[in-house]
Amino acid sequence: MFVGHYGPSFAAKAIEKTIPLWLLFLAVQWLDVMWSIFVLLGIEKVRIVPGFTATNPLDLYYMPYTHSLVAAILWSVAVALVYKLWSRIKGLRASVLVGLAVFSHWVLDLLVHRADLPLYDNTTKLGMGLWNFPVLAFALEVVFLFTGLYFYLKSTRPLGAVGRYGLLIFAVVMLLIQAYVFFGPPPTSDKAAAITALAAYFIFAAAAYFLAKQRAEV
């Protein structure tokens, strides 16, 4: 899953207004941010195999440090603790939501990945394999993204034309990018896939930072 991961970021922002939307955009993709870095460093491994699934050419055969269940839990707790220390917000709700945003990535990946998500280390791998069903996989991306966006829009009000239409246009652009990822040419290499993904996560977070400023809390 790619853009569907951003649905929980919008929903979390609607629940807890003190958390910056850009930070939640990074939180829901944090496992993939670290995966991209680890692939570039040679710590985790991926092969480009065109046709490996109907929508994704990545053979994610070794990623125990980011996408095992144990690793996902540890990353979620670590990011929540760092946010708690960084934000100095009283109470636990905001930091817990940030941690849950990180963990939501593993839960949503479980739906679409083939059996390549380890429970721990590189063993006992899980995945429902919905990437092999393009229409259903794409529909899930749409549902998760727009459900979260709906709750965020209901909890805010636009400050102008950009605030009124910007996020909707952004969501459509993200879906077009998702369609290209599903049906376009495969990456040229594992490193190219990692660099492209890493760039996308930070560009999307920057866009969220700008667009959130065009709306006010209700």
C-alpha atoms as a PDB file:
ATOM      1  CA  MET A   1       0.000   0.000   0.000  1.00  0.00           C
ATOM      2  CA  PHE A   2       1.163   3.537  -0.756  1.00  0.00           C
ATOM      3  CA  VAL A   3      -1.266   6.491  -0.676  1.00  0.00           C
ATOM      4  CA  GLY A   4      -3.792   4.578   1.424  1.00  0.00           C
ATOM      5  CA  HIS A   5      -1.349   4.889   4.314  1.00  0.00           C
ATOM      6  CA  TYR A   6      -2.121   8.614   4.464  1.00  0.00           C
ATOM      7  CA  GLY A   7      -5.736   7.982   5.475  1.00  0.00           C
ATOM      8  CA  PRO A   8      -4.762   7.286   9.107  1.00  0.00           C
ATOM      9  CA  SER A   9      -2.635  10.457   9.150  1.00  0.00           C
ATOM     10  CA  PHE A  10      -5.665  12.602   8.251  1.00  0.00           C
ATOM     11  CA  ALA A  11      -7.841  10.747  10.761  1.00  0.00           C
ATOM     12  CA  ALA A  12      -5.274  11.136  13.561  1.00  0.00           C
ATOM     13  CA  LYS A  13      -5.020  14.872  12.845  1.00  0.00           C
ATOM     14  CA  ALA A  14      -8.801  15.157  13.088  1.00  0.00           C
ATOM     15  CA  ILE A  15      -8.699  13.448  16.500  1.00  0.00           C
ATOM     16  CA  GLU A  16      -5.700  15.330  17.920  1.00  0.00           C
ATOM     17  CA  LYS A  17      -5.244  18.809  16.482  1.00  0.00           C
ATOM     18  CA  THR A  18      -1.918  19.460  18.227  1.00  0.00           C
ATOM     19  CA  ILE A  19      -0.036  17.004  16.000  1.00  0.00           C
ATOM     20  CA  PRO A  20       1.304  18.605  12.792  1.00  0.00           C
ATOM     21  CA  LEU A  21      -0.134  16.990   9.668  1.00  0.00           C
ATOM     22  CA  TRP A  22       3.297  16.847   8.003  1.00  0.00           C
ATOM     23  CA  LEU A  23       4.635  14.851  10.947  1.00  0.00           C
ATOM     24  CA  LEU A  24       1.756  12.376  10.703  1.00  0.00           C
ATOM     25  CA  PHE A  25       2.494  12.040   6.968  1.00  0.00           C
ATOM     26  CA  LEU A  26       6.011  10.931   7.889  1.00  0.00           C
ATOM     27  CA  ALA A  27       4.809   8.772  10.791  1.00  0.00           C
ATOM     28  CA  VAL A  28       2.494   6.616   8.678  1.00  0.00           C
ATOM     29  CA  GLN A  29       5.350   5.998   6.216  1.00  0.00           C
ATOM     30  CA  TRP A  30       8.116   5.734   8.826  1.00  0.00           C
ATOM     31  CA  LEU A  31       8.653   2.002   8.303  1.00  0.00           C
ATOM     32  CA  ASP A  32       9.129   2.648   4.574  1.00  0.00           C
ATOM     33  CA  VAL A  33      11.320   5.685   5.213  1.00  0.00           C
ATOM     34  CA  MET A  34      13.660   3.472   7.222  1.00  0.00           C
ATOM     35  CA  TRP A  35      13.276   0.662   4.666  1.00  0.00           C
ATOM     36  CA  SER A  36      14.449   3.027   1.910  1.00  0.00           C
ATOM     37  CA  ILE A  37      17.458   4.071   3.977  1.00  0.00           C
ATOM     38  CA  PHE A  38      18.300   0.476   4.896  1.00  0.00           C
ATOM     39  CA  VAL A  39      18.049  -0.640   1.253  1.00  0.00           C
ATOM     40  CA  LEU A  40      20.429   2.155   0.239  1.00  0.00           C
ATOM     41  CA  LEU A  41      22.818   1.037   2.980  1.00  0.00           C
ATOM     42  CA  GLY A  42      22.525  -2.621   1.967  1.00  0.00           C
ATOM     43  CA  ILE A  43      21.037  -3.637   5.324  1.00  0.00           C
ATOM     44  CA  GLU A  44      17.688  -4.767   3.885  1.00  0.00           C
ATOM     45  CA  LYS A  45      17.195  -6.382   0.491  1.00  0.00           C
ATOM     46  CA  VAL A  46      14.748  -6.173  -2.389  1.00  0.00           C
ATOM     47  CA  ARG A  47      14.730  -7.533  -5.943  1.00  0.00           C
ATOM     48  CA  ILE A  48      12.988  -5.977  -8.943  1.00  0.00           C
ATOM     49  CA  VAL A  49      11.011  -8.805 -10.573  1.00  0.00           C
ATOM     50  CA  PRO A  50       8.547  -7.575 -13.246  1.00  0.00           C
ATOM     51  CA  GLY A  51       5.273  -9.451 -12.853  1.00  0.00           C
ATOM     52  CA  PHE A  52       6.120 -10.598  -9.333  1.00  0.00           C
ATOM     53  CA  THR A  53       2.606  -9.501  -8.350  1.00  0.00           C
ATOM     54  CA  ALA A  54      -0.066  -8.027 -10.589  1.00  0.00           C
ATOM     55  CA  THR A  55       0.608  -4.501  -9.332  1.00  0.00           C
ATOM     56  CA  ASN A  56       4.033  -4.486  -7.672  1.00  0.00           C
ATOM     57  CA  PRO A  57       7.377  -5.745  -9.034  1.00  0.00           C
ATOM     58  CA  LEU A  58       9.187  -5.663  -5.679  1.00  0.00           C
ATOM     59  CA  ASP A  59      10.346  -8.950  -4.199  1.00  0.00           C
ATOM     60  CA  LEU A  60      10.705  -7.784  -0.592  1.00  0.00           C
ATOM     61  CA  TYR A  61      12.561 -10.845   0.567  1.00  0.00           C
ATOM     62  CA  TYR A  62      14.582  -9.400   3.460  1.00  0.00           C
ATOM     63  CA  MET A  63      13.304  -6.553   5.640  1.00  0.00           C
ATOM     64  CA  PRO A  64      13.349  -7.762   9.260  1.00  0.00           C
ATOM     65  CA  TYR A  65      14.437  -4.426  10.739  1.00  0.00           C
ATOM     66  CA  THR A  66      11.533  -2.390   9.413  1.00  0.00           C
ATOM     67  CA  HIS A  67       8.646  -4.654   8.427  1.00  0.00           C
ATOM     68  CA  SER A  68       8.633  -7.508  10.909  1.00  0.00           C
ATOM     69  CA  LEU A  69       5.841  -7.262  13.474  1.00  0.00           C
ATOM     70  CA  VAL A  70       8.369  -6.964  16.296  1.00  0.00           C
ATOM     71  CA  ALA A  71      10.284  -4.220  14.471  1.00  0.00           C
ATOM     72  CA  ALA A  72       7.064  -2.334  13.676  1.00  0.00           C
ATOM     73  CA  ILE A  73       6.082  -2.357  17.349  1.00  0.00           C
ATOM     74  CA  LEU A  74       9.540  -1.187  18.433  1.00  0.00           C
ATOM     75  CA  TRP A  75       9.619   1.610  15.841  1.00  0.00           C
ATOM     76  CA  SER A  76       6.104   2.696  16.903  1.00  0.00           C
ATOM     77  CA  VAL A  77       7.077   2.897  20.568  1.00  0.00           C
ATOM     78  CA  ALA A  78      10.358   4.672  19.755  1.00  0.00           C
ATOM     79  CA  VAL A  79       8.718   7.311  17.550  1.00  0.00           C
ATOM     80  CA  ALA A  80       5.974   7.877  20.136  1.00  0.00           C
ATOM     81  CA  LEU A  81       8.582   8.419  22.859  1.00  0.00           C
ATOM     82  CA  VAL A  82      10.634  10.776  20.697  1.00  0.00           C
ATOM     83  CA  TYR A  83       7.512  12.775  19.854  1.00  0.00           C
ATOM     84  CA  LYS A  84       6.568  12.947  23.536  1.00  0.00           C
ATOM     85  CA  LEU A  85       9.989  14.342  24.421  1.00  0.00           C
ATOM     86  CA  TRP A  86      10.100  16.694  21.417  1.00  0.00           C
ATOM     87  CA  SER A  87       6.588  18.116  21.728  1.00  0.00           C
ATOM     88  CA  ARG A  88       6.459  18.402  25.526  1.00  0.00           C
ATOM     89  CA  ILE A  89       2.676  18.105  25.271  1.00  0.00           C
ATOM     90  CA  LYS A  90       1.048  17.092  28.545  1.00  0.00           C
ATOM     91  CA  GLY A  91      -0.820  13.787  28.515  1.00  0.00           C
ATOM     92  CA  LEU A  92      -0.241  10.727  26.401  1.00  0.00           C
ATOM     93  CA  ARG A  93      -2.922  10.961  23.721  1.00  0.00           C
ATOM     94  CA  ALA A  94      -0.875  12.778  21.093  1.00  0.00           C
ATOM     95  CA  SER A  95       2.200  10.572  21.428  1.00  0.00           C
ATOM     96  CA  VAL A  96       0.067   7.412  21.459  1.00  0.00           C
ATOM     97  CA  LEU A  97      -1.649   8.538  18.259  1.00  0.00           C
ATOM     98  CA  VAL A  98       1.733   9.171  16.630  1.00  0.00           C
ATOM     99  CA  GLY A  99       2.837   5.676  17.634  1.00  0.00           C
ATOM    100  CA  LEU A 100      -0.394   4.175  16.294  1.00  0.00           C
ATOM    101  CA  ALA A 101       0.108   6.094  13.048  1.00  0.00           C
ATOM    102  CA  VAL A 102       3.511   4.410  12.677  1.00  0.00           C
ATOM    103  CA  PHE A 103       2.040   0.975  13.444  1.00  0.00           C
ATOM    104  CA  SER A 104      -0.878   1.479  11.043  1.00  0.00           C
ATOM    105  CA  HIS A 105       1.650   1.038   8.226  1.00  0.00           C
ATOM    106  CA  TRP A 106       2.271  -2.621   9.132  1.00  0.00           C
ATOM    107  CA  VAL A 107      -1.455  -3.337   9.528  1.00  0.00           C
ATOM    108  CA  LEU A 108      -2.336  -1.912   6.113  1.00  0.00           C
ATOM    109  CA  ASP A 109       0.665  -3.593   4.488  1.00  0.00           C
ATOM    110  CA  LEU A 110      -0.626  -6.900   5.822  1.00  0.00           C
ATOM    111  CA  LEU A 111      -3.664  -6.535   3.556  1.00  0.00           C
ATOM    112  CA  VAL A 112      -1.810  -6.040   0.285  1.00  0.00           C
ATOM    113  CA  HIS A 113       1.633  -7.630   0.627  1.00  0.00           C
ATOM    114  CA  ARG A 114       2.252 -11.202  -0.354  1.00  0.00           C
ATOM    115  CA  ALA A 115       3.649 -13.323   2.483  1.00  0.00           C
ATOM    116  CA  ASP A 116       6.776 -11.214   3.049  1.00  0.00           C
ATOM    117  CA  LEU A 117       6.033  -9.522   6.404  1.00  0.00           C
ATOM    118  CA  PRO A 118       7.903 -11.459   9.128  1.00  0.00           C
ATOM    119  CA  LEU A 119       6.598 -11.798  12.650  1.00  0.00           C
ATOM    120  CA  TYR A 120      10.184 -11.464  13.867  1.00  0.00           C
ATOM    121  CA  ASP A 121      13.627 -11.573  12.299  1.00  0.00           C
ATOM    122  CA  ASN A 122      13.080 -13.039   8.798  1.00  0.00           C
ATOM    123  CA  THR A 123      10.744 -15.899   9.714  1.00  0.00           C
ATOM    124  CA  THR A 124       7.014 -16.738   9.817  1.00  0.00           C
ATOM    125  CA  LYS A 125       6.009 -14.357   7.068  1.00  0.00           C
ATOM    126  CA  LEU A 126       2.477 -13.061   6.587  1.00  0.00           C
ATOM    127  CA  GLY A 127       0.523 -11.173   3.917  1.00  0.00           C
ATOM    128  CA  MET A 128      -2.929 -11.404   2.351  1.00  0.00           C
ATOM    129  CA  GLY A 129      -1.635 -10.744  -1.168  1.00  0.00           C
ATOM    130  CA  LEU A 130      -4.201  -8.238  -2.417  1.00  0.00           C
ATOM    131  CA  TRP A 131      -1.555  -6.737  -4.711  1.00  0.00           C
ATOM    132  CA  ASN A 132      -2.487  -9.632  -7.009  1.00  0.00           C
ATOM    133  CA  PHE A 133      -5.989  -8.164  -7.357  1.00  0.00           C
ATOM    134  CA  PRO A 134      -5.442  -4.733  -8.957  1.00  0.00           C
ATOM    135  CA  VAL A 135      -9.001  -3.402  -8.810  1.00  0.00           C
ATOM    136  CA  LEU A 136      -9.462  -4.401  -5.179  1.00  0.00           C
ATOM    137  CA  ALA A 137      -6.002  -3.146  -4.168  1.00  0.00           C
ATOM    138  CA  PHE A 138      -6.575   0.227  -5.841  1.00  0.00           C
ATOM    139  CA  ALA A 139     -10.063   0.487  -4.305  1.00  0.00           C
ATOM    140  CA  LEU A 140      -8.533  -0.005  -0.854  1.00  0.00           C
ATOM    141  CA  GLU A 141      -6.096   2.840  -1.503  1.00  0.00           C
ATOM    142  CA  VAL A 142      -9.023   5.099  -2.438  1.00  0.00           C
ATOM    143  CA  VAL A 143     -11.173   4.082   0.527  1.00  0.00           C
ATOM    144  CA  PHE A 144      -8.460   4.529   3.161  1.00  0.00           C
ATOM    145  CA  LEU A 145      -7.180   7.812   1.717  1.00  0.00           C
ATOM    146  CA  PHE A 146     -10.551   9.501   1.260  1.00  0.00           C
ATOM    147  CA  THR A 147     -12.078   8.212   4.502  1.00  0.00           C
ATOM    148  CA  GLY A 148      -9.264   9.787   6.492  1.00  0.00           C
ATOM    149  CA  LEU A 149      -9.410  12.950   4.388  1.00  0.00           C
ATOM    150  CA  TYR A 150     -13.167  13.217   4.985  1.00  0.00           C
ATOM    151  CA  PHE A 151     -12.694  13.266   8.760  1.00  0.00           C
ATOM    152  CA  TYR A 152      -9.911  15.849   8.472  1.00  0.00           C
ATOM    153  CA  LEU A 153     -11.966  18.140   6.249  1.00  0.00           C
ATOM    154  CA  LYS A 154     -14.917  17.876   8.650  1.00  0.00           C
ATOM    155  CA  SER A 155     -12.674  18.980  11.526  1.00  0.00           C
ATOM    156  CA  THR A 156     -11.293  22.039   9.706  1.00  0.00           C
ATOM    157  CA  ARG A 157     -12.496  24.903   7.542  1.00  0.00           C
ATOM    158  CA  PRO A 158     -10.901  26.459   4.449  1.00  0.00           C
ATOM    159  CA  LEU A 159      -9.171  29.831   4.594  1.00  0.00           C
ATOM    160  CA  GLY A 160      -9.445  30.468   0.860  1.00  0.00           C
ATOM    161  CA  ALA A 161      -9.616  28.783  -2.522  1.00  0.00           C
ATOM    162  CA  VAL A 162      -6.447  26.774  -1.897  1.00  0.00           C
ATOM    163  CA  GLY A 163      -7.798  25.671   1.451  1.00  0.00           C
ATOM    164  CA  ARG A 164     -11.114  24.669  -0.097  1.00  0.00           C
ATOM    165  CA  TYR A 165      -9.784  22.657  -3.032  1.00  0.00           C
ATOM    166  CA  GLY A 166      -6.093  22.080  -2.388  1.00  0.00           C
ATOM    167  CA  LEU A 167      -6.305  18.854  -0.418  1.00  0.00           C
ATOM    168  CA  LEU A 168      -8.842  17.326  -2.789  1.00  0.00           C
ATOM    169  CA  ILE A 169      -6.610  18.101  -5.757  1.00  0.00           C
ATOM    170  CA  PHE A 170      -3.624  16.741  -3.820  1.00  0.00           C
ATOM    171  CA  ALA A 171      -5.507  13.510  -3.087  1.00  0.00           C
ATOM    172  CA  VAL A 172      -6.349  13.067  -6.777  1.00  0.00           C
ATOM    173  CA  VAL A 173      -2.698  13.678  -7.715  1.00  0.00           C
ATOM    174  CA  MET A 174      -1.647  11.067  -5.163  1.00  0.00           C
ATOM    175  CA  LEU A 175      -4.065   8.575  -6.707  1.00  0.00           C
ATOM    176  CA  LEU A 176      -2.647   9.268 -10.158  1.00  0.00           C
ATOM    177  CA  ILE A 177       0.829   8.575  -8.781  1.00  0.00           C
ATOM    178  CA  GLN A 178      -0.542   5.389  -7.206  1.00  0.00           C
ATOM    179  CA  ALA A 179      -1.919   4.315 -10.587  1.00  0.00           C
ATOM    180  CA  TYR A 180       1.500   4.903 -12.146  1.00  0.00           C
ATOM    181  CA  VAL A 181       3.139   2.822  -9.408  1.00  0.00           C
ATOM    182  CA  PHE A 182       0.655   0.001 -10.033  1.00  0.00           C
ATOM    183  CA  PHE A 183       0.562   0.016 -13.803  1.00  0.00           C
ATOM    184  CA  GLY A 184       3.651   1.915 -14.973  1.00  0.00           C
ATOM    185  CA  PRO A 185       7.136   0.559 -15.715  1.00  0.00           C
ATOM    186  CA  PRO A 186       9.071  -1.083 -12.860  1.00  0.00           C
ATOM    187  CA  PRO A 187      11.964   0.727 -11.144  1.00  0.00           C
ATOM    188  CA  THR A 188      15.332   0.356 -12.849  1.00  0.00           C
ATOM    189  CA  SER A 189      17.007  -0.966  -9.676  1.00  0.00           C
ATOM    190  CA  ASP A 190      16.519  -1.540  -5.972  1.00  0.00           C
ATOM    191  CA  LYS A 191      18.410   1.665  -5.187  1.00  0.00           C
ATOM    192  CA  ALA A 192      16.260   3.645  -7.630  1.00  0.00           C
ATOM    193  CA  ALA A 193      13.116   2.296  -5.960  1.00  0.00           C
ATOM    194  CA  ALA A 194      14.414   3.316  -2.533  1.00  0.00           C
ATOM    195  CA  ILE A 195      15.457   6.816  -3.631  1.00  0.00           C
ATOM    196  CA  THR A 196      12.143   7.437  -5.425  1.00  0.00           C
ATOM    197  CA  ALA A 197      10.132   6.277  -2.416  1.00  0.00           C
ATOM    198  CA  LEU A 198      12.173   8.359   0.019  1.00  0.00           C
ATOM    199  CA  ALA A 199      11.792  11.477  -2.117  1.00  0.00           C
ATOM    200  CA  ALA A 200       8.027  10.931  -2.422  1.00  0.00           C
ATOM    201  CA  TYR A 201       7.541  10.639   1.336  1.00  0.00           C
ATOM    202  CA  PHE A 202       9.256  13.948   2.043  1.00  0.00           C
ATOM    203  CA  ILE A 203       7.636  15.757  -0.895  1.00  0.00           C
ATOM    204  CA  PHE A 204       4.199  14.608   0.260  1.00  0.00           C
ATOM    205  CA  ALA A 205       4.983  15.710   3.823  1.00  0.00           C
ATOM    206  CA  ALA A 206       6.040  19.142   2.537  1.00  0.00           C
ATOM    207  CA  ALA A 207       2.796  19.414   0.567  1.00  0.00           C
ATOM    208  CA  ALA A 208       0.826  18.450   3.695  1.00  0.00           C
ATOM    209  CA  TYR A 209       2.660  21.171   5.653  1.00  0.00           C
ATOM    210  CA  PHE A 210       1.674  23.814   3.085  1.00  0.00           C
ATOM    211  CA  LEU A 211      -1.915  22.666   2.591  1.00  0.00           C
ATOM    212  CA  ALA A 212      -2.625  22.343   6.330  1.00  0.00           C
ATOM    213  CA  LYS A 213      -1.794  26.038   6.677  1.00  0.00           C
ATOM    214  CA  GLN A 214      -4.639  26.797   4.263  1.00  0.00           C
ATOM    215  CA  ARG A 215      -7.207  25.412   6.692  1.00  0.00           C
ATOM    216  CA  ALA A 216      -8.205  26.385  10.234  1.00  0.00           C
ATOM    217  CA  GLU A 217      -9.399  24.181  13.078  1.00  0.00           C
ATOM    218  CA  VAL A 218     -13.167  24.164  13.668  1.00  0.00           C
END
